[in-house]
N, C-alpha and C. Protein backbone atom coordinates (compact mmCIF):
# COMPACT_ATOMS: atom_id res chain seq x y z
N LEU A 1 -15.57 -0.71 12.40
CA LEU A 1 -14.86 -1.97 12.40
C LEU A 1 -14.94 -2.50 10.97
N TYR A 2 -13.78 -3.02 10.45
CA TYR A 2 -13.80 -3.58 9.13
C TYR A 2 -12.86 -4.82 9.06
N ALA A 3 -13.12 -5.61 8.03
CA ALA A 3 -12.32 -6.78 7.71
C ALA A 3 -12.40 -7.07 6.31
N GLY A 4 -11.37 -7.65 5.69
CA GLY A 4 -11.51 -7.95 4.28
C GLY A 4 -10.35 -8.91 3.83
N ILE A 5 -10.44 -9.21 2.54
CA ILE A 5 -9.45 -10.08 1.86
C ILE A 5 -9.10 -9.40 0.59
N TRP A 6 -7.81 -9.35 0.24
CA TRP A 6 -7.39 -8.70 -1.03
C TRP A 6 -6.43 -9.68 -1.73
N GLY A 7 -6.55 -9.75 -3.03
CA GLY A 7 -5.61 -10.68 -3.77
C GLY A 7 -5.14 -10.09 -5.07
N SER A 8 -4.00 -10.60 -5.56
CA SER A 8 -3.43 -10.14 -6.77
C SER A 8 -2.42 -11.20 -7.28
N ASN A 9 -2.10 -11.20 -8.53
CA ASN A 9 -1.03 -12.01 -9.04
C ASN A 9 0.27 -11.30 -8.68
N VAL A 10 1.37 -12.10 -8.53
CA VAL A 10 2.69 -11.60 -8.30
C VAL A 10 3.77 -12.38 -9.10
N ASP A 11 4.88 -11.80 -9.25
CA ASP A 11 5.99 -12.48 -9.91
C ASP A 11 7.30 -11.88 -9.28
N PHE A 12 7.94 -12.61 -8.41
CA PHE A 12 9.20 -12.16 -7.80
C PHE A 12 10.46 -12.66 -8.45
N ASN A 13 10.26 -13.25 -9.68
CA ASN A 13 11.48 -13.82 -10.33
C ASN A 13 12.14 -14.88 -9.43
N ASP A 14 11.31 -15.65 -8.75
CA ASP A 14 11.81 -16.68 -7.81
C ASP A 14 11.65 -18.09 -8.35
N GLU A 15 11.79 -18.27 -9.58
CA GLU A 15 11.70 -19.56 -10.30
C GLU A 15 10.26 -20.15 -10.06
N ASP A 16 9.26 -19.32 -10.20
CA ASP A 16 7.85 -19.70 -10.15
C ASP A 16 7.37 -20.24 -8.79
N GLU A 17 8.00 -19.75 -7.72
CA GLU A 17 7.56 -20.14 -6.39
C GLU A 17 6.20 -19.44 -6.03
N ALA A 18 6.15 -18.11 -6.16
CA ALA A 18 4.97 -17.37 -5.77
C ALA A 18 4.31 -16.81 -7.03
N HIS A 19 2.98 -17.12 -7.08
CA HIS A 19 2.18 -16.60 -8.23
C HIS A 19 1.06 -15.69 -7.80
N VAL A 20 0.69 -15.80 -6.48
CA VAL A 20 -0.46 -15.12 -5.92
C VAL A 20 -0.13 -14.52 -4.58
N GLU A 21 -0.61 -13.32 -4.34
CA GLU A 21 -0.54 -12.72 -2.95
C GLU A 21 -2.03 -12.59 -2.52
N VAL A 22 -2.31 -13.09 -1.30
CA VAL A 22 -3.59 -12.95 -0.64
C VAL A 22 -3.39 -12.33 0.71
N ASP A 23 -4.00 -11.17 0.93
CA ASP A 23 -3.84 -10.45 2.18
C ASP A 23 -5.17 -10.43 2.97
N TYR A 24 -5.01 -10.57 4.25
CA TYR A 24 -6.15 -10.56 5.16
C TYR A 24 -6.02 -9.31 6.07
N TYR A 25 -7.05 -8.57 6.29
CA TYR A 25 -6.93 -7.38 7.06
C TYR A 25 -8.12 -7.15 7.93
N VAL A 26 -7.83 -6.53 9.12
CA VAL A 26 -8.91 -6.14 10.09
C VAL A 26 -8.48 -4.77 10.62
N GLY A 27 -9.49 -4.04 11.05
CA GLY A 27 -9.15 -2.74 11.69
C GLY A 27 -10.32 -2.04 12.24
N TYR A 28 -9.99 -0.90 12.81
CA TYR A 28 -11.04 0.00 13.40
C TYR A 28 -10.73 1.37 12.92
N SER A 29 -11.66 2.09 12.38
CA SER A 29 -11.45 3.42 11.97
C SER A 29 -12.64 4.29 12.43
N GLY A 30 -12.39 5.57 12.50
CA GLY A 30 -13.44 6.49 12.91
C GLY A 30 -13.01 7.93 12.76
N GLU A 31 -13.75 8.85 13.40
CA GLU A 31 -13.47 10.27 13.29
C GLU A 31 -13.68 10.90 14.66
N TYR A 32 -12.90 11.82 15.05
CA TYR A 32 -13.04 12.54 16.26
C TYR A 32 -12.54 13.97 16.05
N SER A 33 -13.43 14.93 16.30
CA SER A 33 -13.16 16.39 16.19
C SER A 33 -12.59 16.74 14.82
N GLY A 34 -13.13 16.14 13.80
CA GLY A 34 -12.62 16.41 12.39
C GLY A 34 -11.46 15.59 11.91
N PHE A 35 -10.77 14.91 12.85
CA PHE A 35 -9.67 14.04 12.46
C PHE A 35 -10.18 12.63 12.25
N THR A 36 -9.64 11.97 11.18
CA THR A 36 -9.95 10.60 10.93
C THR A 36 -8.80 9.78 11.51
N TYR A 37 -9.07 8.55 11.94
CA TYR A 37 -8.02 7.66 12.43
C TYR A 37 -8.30 6.21 11.97
N ASP A 38 -7.30 5.43 11.91
CA ASP A 38 -7.43 4.04 11.48
C ASP A 38 -6.33 3.20 12.12
N LEU A 39 -6.68 2.15 12.79
CA LEU A 39 -5.76 1.22 13.42
C LEU A 39 -6.08 -0.15 12.83
N GLY A 40 -5.03 -0.84 12.33
CA GLY A 40 -5.30 -2.08 11.66
C GLY A 40 -4.20 -3.07 11.78
N GLY A 41 -4.49 -4.28 11.30
CA GLY A 41 -3.51 -5.38 11.21
C GLY A 41 -3.73 -6.06 9.81
N LEU A 42 -2.61 -6.45 9.24
CA LEU A 42 -2.65 -7.10 7.97
C LEU A 42 -1.74 -8.34 7.99
N TYR A 43 -2.18 -9.39 7.32
CA TYR A 43 -1.42 -10.63 7.15
C TYR A 43 -1.25 -10.90 5.69
N TYR A 44 0.00 -10.82 5.21
CA TYR A 44 0.31 -11.04 3.79
C TYR A 44 0.68 -12.47 3.56
N THR A 45 0.01 -13.17 2.66
CA THR A 45 0.35 -14.60 2.38
C THR A 45 0.69 -14.78 0.88
N TYR A 46 1.49 -15.76 0.56
CA TYR A 46 1.93 -16.14 -0.81
C TYR A 46 1.67 -17.58 -0.97
N PRO A 47 0.44 -18.05 -1.22
CA PRO A 47 0.15 -19.49 -1.31
C PRO A 47 0.99 -20.09 -2.45
N GLY A 48 1.53 -21.26 -2.16
CA GLY A 48 2.30 -21.97 -3.19
C GLY A 48 3.78 -21.73 -3.07
N ALA A 49 4.19 -20.67 -2.41
CA ALA A 49 5.64 -20.37 -2.28
C ALA A 49 6.23 -21.34 -1.23
N ASP A 50 7.46 -21.78 -1.43
CA ASP A 50 8.11 -22.67 -0.47
C ASP A 50 8.18 -21.94 0.90
N SER A 51 7.87 -22.63 1.95
CA SER A 51 7.87 -22.03 3.28
C SER A 51 9.26 -21.59 3.68
N ASP A 52 10.37 -22.15 3.09
CA ASP A 52 11.72 -21.75 3.41
C ASP A 52 11.99 -20.28 2.97
N LEU A 53 11.23 -19.81 1.95
CA LEU A 53 11.39 -18.43 1.56
C LEU A 53 10.89 -17.40 2.54
N ASP A 54 9.99 -17.82 3.46
CA ASP A 54 9.47 -16.99 4.53
C ASP A 54 8.88 -15.70 4.01
N TYR A 55 8.06 -15.83 2.94
CA TYR A 55 7.44 -14.64 2.38
C TYR A 55 6.29 -14.08 3.22
N ASP A 56 5.51 -14.96 3.88
CA ASP A 56 4.36 -14.48 4.69
C ASP A 56 4.83 -13.65 5.86
N PHE A 57 4.09 -12.57 6.14
CA PHE A 57 4.37 -11.74 7.33
C PHE A 57 3.18 -10.96 7.75
N PHE A 58 3.32 -10.44 9.01
CA PHE A 58 2.26 -9.65 9.69
C PHE A 58 2.69 -8.26 9.84
N GLU A 59 1.74 -7.33 9.79
CA GLU A 59 2.02 -5.89 9.92
C GLU A 59 0.87 -5.26 10.66
N VAL A 60 1.22 -4.21 11.51
CA VAL A 60 0.23 -3.43 12.13
C VAL A 60 0.36 -2.00 11.55
N SER A 61 -0.80 -1.31 11.52
CA SER A 61 -0.79 0.04 10.86
C SER A 61 -1.58 1.04 11.71
N GLY A 62 -1.21 2.30 11.60
CA GLY A 62 -1.92 3.38 12.18
C GLY A 62 -1.89 4.59 11.27
N ALA A 63 -3.02 5.28 11.18
CA ALA A 63 -3.09 6.44 10.24
C ALA A 63 -3.91 7.48 10.94
N LEU A 64 -3.61 8.75 10.61
CA LEU A 64 -4.34 9.94 11.10
C LEU A 64 -4.47 10.93 9.95
N GLY A 65 -5.65 11.51 9.77
CA GLY A 65 -5.88 12.43 8.68
C GLY A 65 -6.79 13.58 9.06
N TYR A 66 -6.86 14.56 8.18
CA TYR A 66 -7.74 15.70 8.34
C TYR A 66 -8.21 16.23 7.00
N ASP A 67 -9.51 16.51 6.89
CA ASP A 67 -9.98 17.01 5.58
C ASP A 67 -10.23 18.52 5.77
N PHE A 68 -9.48 19.29 4.93
CA PHE A 68 -9.52 20.71 4.97
C PHE A 68 -10.61 21.26 3.99
N ASP A 69 -11.49 20.44 3.50
CA ASP A 69 -12.50 20.72 2.47
C ASP A 69 -11.88 20.91 1.05
N VAL A 70 -10.87 21.70 0.95
CA VAL A 70 -10.21 21.89 -0.41
C VAL A 70 -9.22 20.75 -0.65
N ALA A 71 -8.80 20.06 0.37
CA ALA A 71 -7.86 18.97 0.29
C ALA A 71 -7.84 18.17 1.58
N ALA A 72 -7.55 16.90 1.51
CA ALA A 72 -7.41 16.08 2.69
C ALA A 72 -5.98 15.54 2.80
N LEU A 73 -5.39 15.63 3.97
CA LEU A 73 -4.01 15.19 4.24
C LEU A 73 -4.04 14.08 5.22
N SER A 74 -3.28 13.03 4.99
CA SER A 74 -3.18 11.90 5.98
C SER A 74 -1.75 11.42 6.04
N GLY A 75 -1.40 10.85 7.19
CA GLY A 75 -0.16 10.24 7.39
C GLY A 75 -0.34 8.85 8.05
N ALA A 76 0.54 7.90 7.76
CA ALA A 76 0.42 6.58 8.26
C ALA A 76 1.81 5.97 8.55
N ILE A 77 1.77 5.05 9.54
CA ILE A 77 2.97 4.25 9.90
C ILE A 77 2.51 2.78 9.92
N ASN A 78 3.34 1.95 9.29
CA ASN A 78 3.14 0.48 9.29
C ASN A 78 4.41 -0.11 9.87
N TYR A 79 4.27 -1.18 10.75
CA TYR A 79 5.35 -1.84 11.38
C TYR A 79 5.21 -3.32 11.23
N SER A 80 6.31 -4.00 10.88
CA SER A 80 6.36 -5.48 10.87
C SER A 80 7.56 -5.90 11.65
N PRO A 81 7.37 -6.84 12.65
CA PRO A 81 8.49 -7.36 13.40
C PRO A 81 9.31 -8.38 12.63
N ASP A 82 8.82 -8.95 11.58
CA ASP A 82 9.50 -9.92 10.80
C ASP A 82 8.99 -9.84 9.34
N PHE A 83 9.59 -8.87 8.59
CA PHE A 83 9.14 -8.51 7.30
C PHE A 83 9.40 -9.60 6.23
N PHE A 84 8.86 -9.38 5.10
CA PHE A 84 8.97 -10.26 3.88
C PHE A 84 10.39 -10.90 3.77
N GLY A 85 10.38 -12.22 3.64
CA GLY A 85 11.68 -12.90 3.42
C GLY A 85 12.62 -12.91 4.64
N SER A 86 12.09 -12.76 5.87
CA SER A 86 12.82 -12.76 7.10
C SER A 86 13.89 -11.67 7.06
N THR A 87 13.54 -10.45 6.69
CA THR A 87 14.44 -9.30 6.66
C THR A 87 14.37 -8.50 7.92
N GLY A 88 13.75 -8.96 8.93
CA GLY A 88 13.73 -8.28 10.21
C GLY A 88 12.68 -7.21 10.32
N ASP A 89 12.88 -6.33 11.31
CA ASP A 89 11.95 -5.25 11.50
C ASP A 89 11.85 -4.32 10.28
N ALA A 90 10.69 -3.85 10.00
CA ALA A 90 10.44 -2.91 8.88
C ALA A 90 9.39 -1.91 9.34
N VAL A 91 9.62 -0.67 8.94
CA VAL A 91 8.70 0.42 9.22
C VAL A 91 8.54 1.24 7.91
N TYR A 92 7.24 1.52 7.61
CA TYR A 92 6.85 2.29 6.44
C TYR A 92 6.19 3.58 6.87
N TYR A 93 6.65 4.70 6.45
CA TYR A 93 6.09 6.00 6.75
C TYR A 93 5.52 6.55 5.49
N GLY A 94 4.22 6.97 5.49
CA GLY A 94 3.62 7.49 4.27
C GLY A 94 2.78 8.77 4.52
N ALA A 95 2.66 9.60 3.54
CA ALA A 95 1.84 10.78 3.57
C ALA A 95 1.05 10.83 2.27
N THR A 96 -0.22 11.21 2.32
CA THR A 96 -1.08 11.30 1.11
C THR A 96 -1.84 12.59 1.13
N LEU A 97 -1.96 13.21 0.00
CA LEU A 97 -2.74 14.41 -0.21
C LEU A 97 -3.81 14.09 -1.23
N ASP A 98 -5.09 14.23 -0.93
CA ASP A 98 -6.20 14.05 -1.88
C ASP A 98 -6.89 15.33 -2.09
N VAL A 99 -7.18 15.66 -3.38
CA VAL A 99 -7.81 16.93 -3.75
C VAL A 99 -9.05 16.59 -4.59
N PRO A 100 -10.29 16.93 -4.12
CA PRO A 100 -11.43 16.71 -4.96
C PRO A 100 -11.46 17.76 -6.07
N LEU A 101 -11.94 17.27 -7.21
CA LEU A 101 -12.10 18.10 -8.40
C LEU A 101 -13.57 18.09 -8.83
N PRO A 102 -13.98 18.99 -9.72
CA PRO A 102 -15.34 18.95 -10.19
C PRO A 102 -15.65 17.71 -11.00
N TYR A 103 -16.95 17.42 -11.08
CA TYR A 103 -17.49 16.32 -11.92
C TYR A 103 -17.02 15.02 -11.45
N GLU A 104 -16.95 14.76 -10.17
CA GLU A 104 -16.62 13.46 -9.52
C GLU A 104 -15.13 13.00 -9.78
N PHE A 105 -14.27 13.89 -10.20
CA PHE A 105 -12.89 13.66 -10.33
C PHE A 105 -12.09 13.96 -9.05
N SER A 106 -10.97 13.36 -8.90
CA SER A 106 -10.06 13.75 -7.78
C SER A 106 -8.63 13.52 -8.23
N VAL A 107 -7.69 14.12 -7.53
CA VAL A 107 -6.25 13.94 -7.82
C VAL A 107 -5.63 13.61 -6.42
N SER A 108 -4.64 12.75 -6.48
CA SER A 108 -3.97 12.33 -5.28
C SER A 108 -2.45 12.27 -5.48
N ALA A 109 -1.74 12.52 -4.37
CA ALA A 109 -0.26 12.44 -4.38
C ALA A 109 0.12 11.76 -3.11
N HIS A 110 1.14 10.84 -3.25
CA HIS A 110 1.59 10.04 -2.09
C HIS A 110 3.12 10.02 -2.13
N ALA A 111 3.72 10.11 -0.90
CA ALA A 111 5.12 9.88 -0.73
C ALA A 111 5.35 9.00 0.44
N GLY A 112 6.29 8.08 0.37
CA GLY A 112 6.55 7.19 1.48
C GLY A 112 8.02 6.82 1.57
N TYR A 113 8.40 6.25 2.75
CA TYR A 113 9.76 5.75 2.96
C TYR A 113 9.75 4.48 3.75
N GLN A 114 10.38 3.44 3.22
CA GLN A 114 10.41 2.09 3.84
C GLN A 114 11.77 1.81 4.40
N THR A 115 11.83 1.49 5.74
CA THR A 115 13.12 1.05 6.35
C THR A 115 13.01 -0.42 6.58
N ILE A 116 14.10 -1.17 6.35
CA ILE A 116 14.10 -2.61 6.56
C ILE A 116 15.45 -2.97 7.17
N ASP A 117 15.41 -3.70 8.34
CA ASP A 117 16.67 -4.03 9.01
C ASP A 117 17.70 -4.66 8.18
N GLU A 118 17.35 -5.77 7.43
CA GLU A 118 18.23 -6.53 6.63
C GLU A 118 17.88 -6.39 5.15
N GLY A 119 17.64 -5.19 4.70
CA GLY A 119 17.22 -4.95 3.30
C GLY A 119 17.62 -3.64 2.84
N VAL A 120 17.07 -3.15 1.73
CA VAL A 120 17.41 -1.88 1.15
C VAL A 120 16.30 -0.93 1.55
N ASP A 121 16.62 0.19 2.24
CA ASP A 121 15.64 1.20 2.51
C ASP A 121 15.38 1.94 1.19
N TYR A 122 14.17 2.40 1.01
CA TYR A 122 13.83 3.12 -0.24
C TYR A 122 12.70 4.06 -0.10
N ALA A 123 12.56 4.98 -0.95
CA ALA A 123 11.46 5.95 -1.05
C ALA A 123 10.55 5.57 -2.23
N ASP A 124 9.26 5.93 -2.11
CA ASP A 124 8.33 5.69 -3.18
C ASP A 124 7.40 6.89 -3.27
N TRP A 125 6.79 7.07 -4.46
CA TRP A 125 5.88 8.16 -4.62
C TRP A 125 4.90 7.80 -5.74
N SER A 126 3.79 8.54 -5.70
CA SER A 126 2.78 8.28 -6.78
C SER A 126 1.99 9.56 -7.03
N LEU A 127 1.35 9.65 -8.17
CA LEU A 127 0.50 10.76 -8.52
C LEU A 127 -0.66 10.10 -9.31
N GLY A 128 -1.88 10.36 -8.86
CA GLY A 128 -3.06 9.67 -9.52
C GLY A 128 -4.20 10.58 -9.79
N LEU A 129 -5.03 10.13 -10.64
CA LEU A 129 -6.35 10.77 -11.03
C LEU A 129 -7.47 9.73 -10.75
N GLY A 130 -8.55 10.19 -10.08
CA GLY A 130 -9.65 9.26 -9.80
C GLY A 130 -10.91 9.78 -10.39
N TYR A 131 -11.89 8.83 -10.55
CA TYR A 131 -13.18 9.21 -11.02
C TYR A 131 -14.19 8.24 -10.46
N SER A 132 -15.34 8.73 -9.93
CA SER A 132 -16.35 7.85 -9.37
C SER A 132 -17.55 7.88 -10.27
N ILE A 133 -18.07 6.69 -10.57
CA ILE A 133 -19.27 6.49 -11.39
C ILE A 133 -20.04 5.22 -10.98
N ALA A 134 -21.35 5.39 -10.74
CA ALA A 134 -22.24 4.29 -10.40
C ALA A 134 -21.76 3.43 -9.22
N GLY A 135 -21.15 4.06 -8.21
CA GLY A 135 -20.61 3.32 -7.04
C GLY A 135 -19.28 2.75 -7.23
N PHE A 136 -18.63 2.84 -8.39
CA PHE A 136 -17.30 2.32 -8.63
C PHE A 136 -16.32 3.46 -8.67
N ASP A 137 -15.10 3.19 -8.13
CA ASP A 137 -14.02 4.18 -8.17
C ASP A 137 -12.96 3.69 -9.20
N LEU A 138 -12.72 4.53 -10.19
CA LEU A 138 -11.71 4.28 -11.22
C LEU A 138 -10.50 5.13 -10.88
N SER A 139 -9.33 4.51 -11.16
CA SER A 139 -8.10 5.26 -10.88
C SER A 139 -7.06 5.06 -11.99
N LEU A 140 -6.23 6.05 -12.26
CA LEU A 140 -5.14 6.01 -13.12
C LEU A 140 -4.00 6.65 -12.40
N ALA A 141 -2.89 5.93 -12.16
CA ALA A 141 -1.82 6.48 -11.28
C ALA A 141 -0.44 6.09 -11.86
N TYR A 142 0.48 7.03 -11.58
CA TYR A 142 1.91 6.87 -11.88
C TYR A 142 2.60 6.50 -10.58
N TYR A 143 3.39 5.38 -10.56
CA TYR A 143 4.14 5.00 -9.35
C TYR A 143 5.61 4.91 -9.67
N ASP A 144 6.48 5.21 -8.64
CA ASP A 144 7.90 5.09 -8.89
C ASP A 144 8.61 4.96 -7.54
N THR A 145 9.84 4.44 -7.56
CA THR A 145 10.74 4.41 -6.37
C THR A 145 12.08 4.90 -6.70
N ASP A 146 12.94 5.03 -5.69
CA ASP A 146 14.32 5.39 -5.92
C ASP A 146 15.23 4.23 -6.01
N MET A 147 14.67 3.00 -6.14
CA MET A 147 15.50 1.78 -6.21
C MET A 147 15.95 1.53 -7.69
N ASP A 148 17.15 0.96 -7.81
CA ASP A 148 17.66 0.61 -9.12
C ASP A 148 17.44 -0.87 -9.40
N GLU A 149 16.93 -1.17 -10.58
CA GLU A 149 16.78 -2.57 -11.04
C GLU A 149 17.98 -2.93 -11.87
N PRO A 150 18.51 -4.13 -11.84
CA PRO A 150 18.19 -5.19 -10.92
C PRO A 150 19.08 -5.19 -9.64
N GLU A 151 19.93 -4.19 -9.49
CA GLU A 151 20.86 -4.25 -8.31
C GLU A 151 20.20 -4.23 -7.00
N GLU A 152 19.16 -3.38 -6.75
CA GLU A 152 18.48 -3.37 -5.47
C GLU A 152 17.16 -4.01 -5.47
N CYS A 153 16.59 -4.32 -6.70
CA CYS A 153 15.24 -4.87 -6.81
C CYS A 153 15.19 -5.71 -8.10
N ALA A 154 14.84 -6.91 -8.03
CA ALA A 154 14.83 -7.80 -9.23
C ALA A 154 13.89 -7.34 -10.30
N ASP A 155 12.69 -6.84 -9.88
CA ASP A 155 11.69 -6.47 -10.79
C ASP A 155 10.59 -5.72 -10.11
N GLY A 156 10.03 -4.69 -10.73
CA GLY A 156 8.93 -3.99 -10.17
C GLY A 156 9.21 -2.69 -9.48
N CYS A 157 10.45 -2.21 -9.60
CA CYS A 157 10.77 -0.96 -8.96
C CYS A 157 10.87 0.20 -9.85
N ASP A 158 10.86 0.01 -11.19
CA ASP A 158 10.86 1.10 -12.16
C ASP A 158 9.51 1.75 -12.19
N ALA A 159 9.43 2.91 -12.75
CA ALA A 159 8.18 3.68 -12.92
C ALA A 159 7.12 2.86 -13.60
N ARG A 160 5.90 3.00 -13.16
CA ARG A 160 4.79 2.26 -13.70
C ARG A 160 3.52 3.19 -13.74
N VAL A 161 2.64 2.84 -14.67
CA VAL A 161 1.33 3.43 -14.67
C VAL A 161 0.33 2.32 -14.50
N ALA A 162 -0.65 2.50 -13.60
CA ALA A 162 -1.62 1.43 -13.33
C ALA A 162 -3.04 1.98 -13.32
N PHE A 163 -4.01 1.17 -13.84
CA PHE A 163 -5.38 1.50 -13.89
C PHE A 163 -6.11 0.59 -12.85
N GLY A 164 -6.99 1.12 -12.06
CA GLY A 164 -7.66 0.32 -11.10
C GLY A 164 -9.18 0.56 -11.07
N VAL A 165 -9.91 -0.43 -10.62
CA VAL A 165 -11.41 -0.35 -10.46
C VAL A 165 -11.65 -0.89 -9.05
N SER A 166 -12.38 -0.19 -8.26
CA SER A 166 -12.73 -0.72 -6.96
C SER A 166 -14.12 -0.35 -6.55
N ARG A 167 -14.65 -1.08 -5.59
CA ARG A 167 -15.97 -0.78 -5.04
C ARG A 167 -16.01 -1.30 -3.62
N SER A 168 -16.48 -0.45 -2.77
CA SER A 168 -16.60 -0.80 -1.31
C SER A 168 -18.09 -1.06 -0.95
N PHE A 169 -18.30 -2.00 -0.17
CA PHE A 169 -19.66 -2.33 0.26
C PHE A 169 -19.85 -2.05 1.79
């Protein structure tokens, strides 16, 4: 059983309505006969944004995975009945491959597809390198989508490289 809060800065080019995203999540995960599973719920909030923009939304998720020792493969589905900005039902399908490397390194690849009732459906993908040290997980990843800026997405859909630091307790 798990619960948490996640936050980040955001910029939707919405005339300074939203500056922050704060997400709350709960779930249950476990393992059965070598398979991992995860069922969860997420509530995405954008404090300070005008309520007429209807940015806040709820999502449920399910994931299933298996570790083959040389690589771990997982798949997930997320569903929202009233997605970001009142765009209707949305479903995200994703698959991830993680490969452990020597010396606490790892490599990961992800591909996903988002469908949105009243929006633009799109594909996304990433390729990353990870390293664990002193209980911290460091990551460097390349992210991209098949969306065109600014026609389909105002900002944030072009290829990016991101560095991350995380620690779980």
